[in-house]
Amino acid sequence: MIFTVAIDGPAAAGKGTISKAVAAHFGFAHLDTGLLYRAVGAKVLAGADAIQAARDLTAADLAGDLRAANVAQAASKVAVIPEVRAALLAFQQDFAARDGGAVLDGRDIGTVICPDADVKLFITASAEIRAERRFLEFSAKDDTTTRAKVLADVIARDTRDSERALAPLKPADNALTIDTSELSIADAIQAAIGHIAPSLG
């Protein structure tokens, strides 16, 4: 059975947590497509050419710690390069077409990577809520992080992701939007599962 769930949304909205839970619930494979761009971004920070790094990317490159703030910013910057996006397109589409079902989360899954996905979700939350989540995550590792800086970074990334000419961040026309600003994780996951289940018969 090929069944594809496309989950999009901005940073720290909860799409990764929801995607993993959805995949586990239905027994589907899961791909955090942002890791592909983070892996390319990490290679660029290490001195590599972005386009070559994307073309040479392997599954092993996704294994390291790619959650640092500088890697996230680098990922957002390489994601605007058309050749980088083209190089990673086939990787994502092959994953989506695997037998047994697949959940992909990112920023352009429902609009560009898998426009024919069986179910599409758009997970969002206010910039302030998302920045607070990121601040709590980062401050545990770096006590020099400030709320103001994290909020500025979140807003800058949102702007870059939503205003880029190629594959901008936006909900697919037929996506269900789930705003997690005031939702618990459990309630957000249940809303996603409840929307997907009827499509599986």
Protein backbone atom coordinates (compact mmCIF):
# COMPACT_ATOMS: atom_id res chain seq x y z
CA MET A 1 0.00 0.00 0.00
CA ILE A 2 1.26 3.43 -0.97
CA PHE A 3 -0.28 6.13 1.24
CA THR A 4 1.36 9.53 1.66
CA VAL A 5 0.77 12.06 4.42
CA ALA A 6 2.23 15.52 3.77
CA ILE A 7 2.74 17.72 6.83
CA ASP A 8 4.00 21.28 6.43
CA GLY A 9 4.51 24.24 8.72
CA PRO A 10 6.99 26.78 10.09
CA ALA A 11 9.77 26.08 12.59
CA ALA A 12 8.75 24.97 16.10
CA ALA A 13 5.05 24.66 15.28
CA GLY A 14 5.11 21.01 16.36
CA LYS A 15 5.02 19.35 12.95
CA GLY A 16 7.96 17.05 13.73
CA THR A 17 6.39 15.78 16.96
CA ILE A 18 3.02 15.31 15.27
CA SER A 19 4.58 13.63 12.22
CA LYS A 20 6.49 11.09 14.32
CA ALA A 21 3.37 10.30 16.36
CA VAL A 22 1.23 9.92 13.24
CA ALA A 23 3.80 7.63 11.62
CA ALA A 24 4.04 5.50 14.77
CA HIS A 25 0.25 5.29 15.12
CA PHE A 26 -0.34 4.07 11.57
CA GLY A 27 2.91 2.13 11.17
CA PHE A 28 4.18 4.42 8.41
CA ALA A 29 7.77 5.42 7.67
CA HIS A 30 8.69 9.02 8.59
CA LEU A 31 11.01 11.52 6.94
CA ASP A 32 11.84 14.92 8.43
CA THR A 33 12.74 16.62 5.17
CA GLY A 34 14.17 19.57 7.06
CA LEU A 35 17.04 17.28 8.05
CA LEU A 36 18.05 17.09 4.39
CA TYR A 37 18.46 20.87 4.26
CA ARG A 38 20.08 20.95 7.71
CA ALA A 39 22.59 18.33 6.57
CA VAL A 40 23.42 20.42 3.49
CA GLY A 41 23.62 23.53 5.68
CA ALA A 42 26.03 21.77 8.06
CA LYS A 43 28.24 20.78 5.13
CA VAL A 44 28.23 24.38 3.89
CA LEU A 45 29.26 25.62 7.35
CA ALA A 46 32.13 23.12 7.13
CA GLY A 47 33.24 24.65 3.83
CA ALA A 48 31.41 22.62 1.20
CA ASP A 49 29.63 23.96 -1.87
CA ALA A 50 25.86 23.88 -1.28
CA ILE A 51 24.86 22.39 -4.63
CA GLN A 52 27.53 19.69 -4.55
CA ALA A 53 26.67 18.87 -0.94
CA ALA A 54 23.01 18.37 -1.90
CA ARG A 55 23.92 16.14 -4.85
CA ASP A 56 26.24 14.01 -2.72
CA LEU A 57 23.92 13.70 0.29
CA THR A 58 23.46 10.22 1.76
CA ALA A 59 21.33 8.82 4.57
CA ALA A 60 24.44 8.75 6.78
CA ASP A 61 24.63 12.56 6.58
CA LEU A 62 21.32 12.78 8.46
CA ALA A 63 22.65 11.00 11.53
CA GLY A 64 24.62 13.77 13.27
CA ASP A 65 23.40 16.55 15.56
CA LEU A 66 21.73 18.94 13.13
CA ARG A 67 19.61 20.90 15.61
CA ALA A 68 21.98 23.79 16.39
CA ALA A 69 20.67 27.29 15.68
CA ASN A 70 23.46 28.10 13.19
CA VAL A 71 22.68 24.91 11.25
CA ALA A 72 18.98 25.86 11.12
CA GLN A 73 19.84 29.29 9.71
CA ALA A 74 22.25 27.74 7.19
CA ALA A 75 19.51 25.29 6.16
CA SER A 76 17.08 28.12 5.50
CA LYS A 77 19.69 29.88 3.35
CA VAL A 78 20.59 26.87 1.19
CA ALA A 79 16.88 26.04 0.80
CA VAL A 80 16.40 29.07 -1.45
CA ILE A 81 18.92 27.70 -4.00
CA PRO A 82 16.98 26.06 -6.89
CA GLU A 83 19.72 23.52 -7.64
CA VAL A 84 19.77 22.37 -4.01
CA ARG A 85 16.00 21.86 -3.99
CA ALA A 86 16.15 19.99 -7.31
CA ALA A 87 18.90 17.69 -6.01
CA LEU A 88 16.83 16.76 -2.95
CA LEU A 89 13.51 16.38 -4.77
CA ALA A 90 14.01 12.80 -5.96
CA PHE A 91 15.18 11.67 -2.50
CA GLN A 92 11.91 12.91 -0.99
CA GLN A 93 9.60 11.65 -3.74
CA ASP A 94 11.16 8.18 -3.66
CA PHE A 95 10.56 8.07 0.10
CA ALA A 96 6.94 9.18 -0.33
CA ALA A 97 6.26 6.39 -2.85
CA ARG A 98 7.58 3.57 -0.66
CA ASP A 99 5.29 0.65 0.08
CA GLY A 100 3.69 0.62 3.52
CA GLY A 101 2.84 4.31 3.87
CA ALA A 102 4.95 7.40 4.47
CA VAL A 103 4.74 10.62 6.46
CA LEU A 104 6.89 13.52 5.24
CA ASP A 105 7.15 16.80 7.09
CA GLY A 106 8.68 20.01 5.84
CA ARG A 107 7.70 23.29 4.24
CA ASP A 108 6.66 22.39 0.69
CA ILE A 109 5.57 18.75 0.90
CA GLY A 110 1.89 19.28 0.13
CA THR A 111 2.50 22.02 -2.42
CA VAL A 112 5.58 20.84 -4.34
CA ILE A 113 7.08 17.50 -3.26
CA CYS A 114 3.84 15.49 -2.97
CA PRO A 115 1.01 17.57 -4.45
CA ASP A 116 -1.03 14.35 -4.82
CA ALA A 117 -0.53 13.23 -1.20
CA ASP A 118 -3.51 11.34 0.21
CA VAL A 119 -3.74 13.66 3.23
CA LYS A 120 -2.22 17.11 3.79
CA LEU A 121 -1.83 18.96 7.08
CA PHE A 122 -0.46 22.42 7.84
CA ILE A 123 0.76 22.78 11.42
CA THR A 124 1.23 26.33 12.69
CA ALA A 125 1.42 28.49 15.82
CA SER A 126 2.09 32.15 16.57
CA ALA A 127 5.68 33.39 16.16
CA GLU A 128 5.80 34.26 19.87
CA ILE A 129 4.72 30.78 20.97
CA ARG A 130 7.15 29.12 18.57
CA ALA A 131 10.00 31.38 19.70
CA GLU A 132 9.33 30.52 23.34
CA ARG A 133 9.47 26.80 22.50
CA ARG A 134 12.78 27.29 20.68
CA PHE A 135 14.16 29.45 23.49
CA LEU A 136 13.46 26.74 26.06
CA GLU A 137 15.10 24.18 23.77
CA PHE A 138 18.19 26.28 23.05
CA SER A 139 18.66 27.78 26.51
CA ALA A 140 19.14 24.32 27.96
CA LYS A 141 22.32 24.07 25.86
CA ASP A 142 23.38 27.73 25.62
CA ASP A 143 22.75 30.17 28.47
CA THR A 144 23.70 33.15 26.28
CA THR A 145 20.53 32.72 24.20
CA THR A 146 17.89 35.44 24.72
CA ARG A 147 14.17 35.37 23.99
CA ALA A 148 14.49 38.48 21.84
CA LYS A 149 17.17 36.91 19.65
CA VAL A 150 15.25 33.66 19.22
CA LEU A 151 12.08 35.57 18.28
CA ALA A 152 14.03 37.66 15.76
CA ASP A 153 15.51 34.48 14.26
CA VAL A 154 12.08 32.82 14.02
CA ILE A 155 10.57 35.88 12.30
CA ALA A 156 13.54 36.18 9.92
CA ARG A 157 13.28 32.51 9.00
CA ASP A 158 9.51 32.72 8.50
CA THR A 159 10.01 35.67 6.17
CA ARG A 160 12.75 33.92 4.20
CA ASP A 161 10.78 30.67 3.94
CA SER A 162 7.44 32.25 2.99
CA GLU A 163 8.77 34.88 0.58
CA ARG A 164 11.26 32.79 -1.41
CA ALA A 165 10.39 32.58 -5.10
CA LEU A 166 10.76 28.80 -5.26
CA ALA A 167 8.48 26.55 -3.18
CA PRO A 168 7.49 29.13 -0.54
CA LEU A 169 6.09 28.00 2.80
CA LYS A 170 2.28 28.08 2.57
CA PRO A 171 -0.62 25.72 3.23
CA ALA A 172 -1.69 23.51 0.33
CA ASP A 173 -5.18 24.41 -0.92
CA ASN A 174 -6.66 21.17 0.45
CA ALA A 175 -4.64 20.98 3.68
CA LEU A 176 -6.20 20.92 7.13
CA THR A 177 -4.61 23.65 9.28
CA ILE A 178 -3.96 22.80 12.92
CA ASP A 179 -2.92 25.74 15.11
CA THR A 180 -0.97 24.42 18.10
CA SER A 181 -0.66 27.79 19.88
CA GLU A 182 -3.22 26.78 22.50
CA LEU A 183 -3.32 23.01 21.94
CA SER A 184 -1.59 20.37 24.04
CA ILE A 185 0.69 17.98 22.16
CA ALA A 186 -1.76 15.13 22.78
CA ASP A 187 -4.72 17.12 21.42
CA ALA A 188 -2.77 18.21 18.32
CA ILE A 189 -1.72 14.62 17.61
CA GLN A 190 -5.28 13.40 18.08
CA ALA A 191 -6.59 16.04 15.68
CA ALA A 192 -4.09 14.89 13.04
CA ILE A 193 -4.86 11.19 13.52
CA GLY A 194 -8.59 11.88 13.48
CA HIS A 195 -8.28 13.66 10.14
CA ILE A 196 -6.10 10.96 8.54
CA ALA A 197 -7.94 7.83 9.71
CA PRO A 198 -11.07 8.20 7.50
CA SER A 199 -8.89 8.34 4.36
CA LEU A 200 -7.54 4.90 5.19
CA GLY A 201 -11.03 3.44 5.17
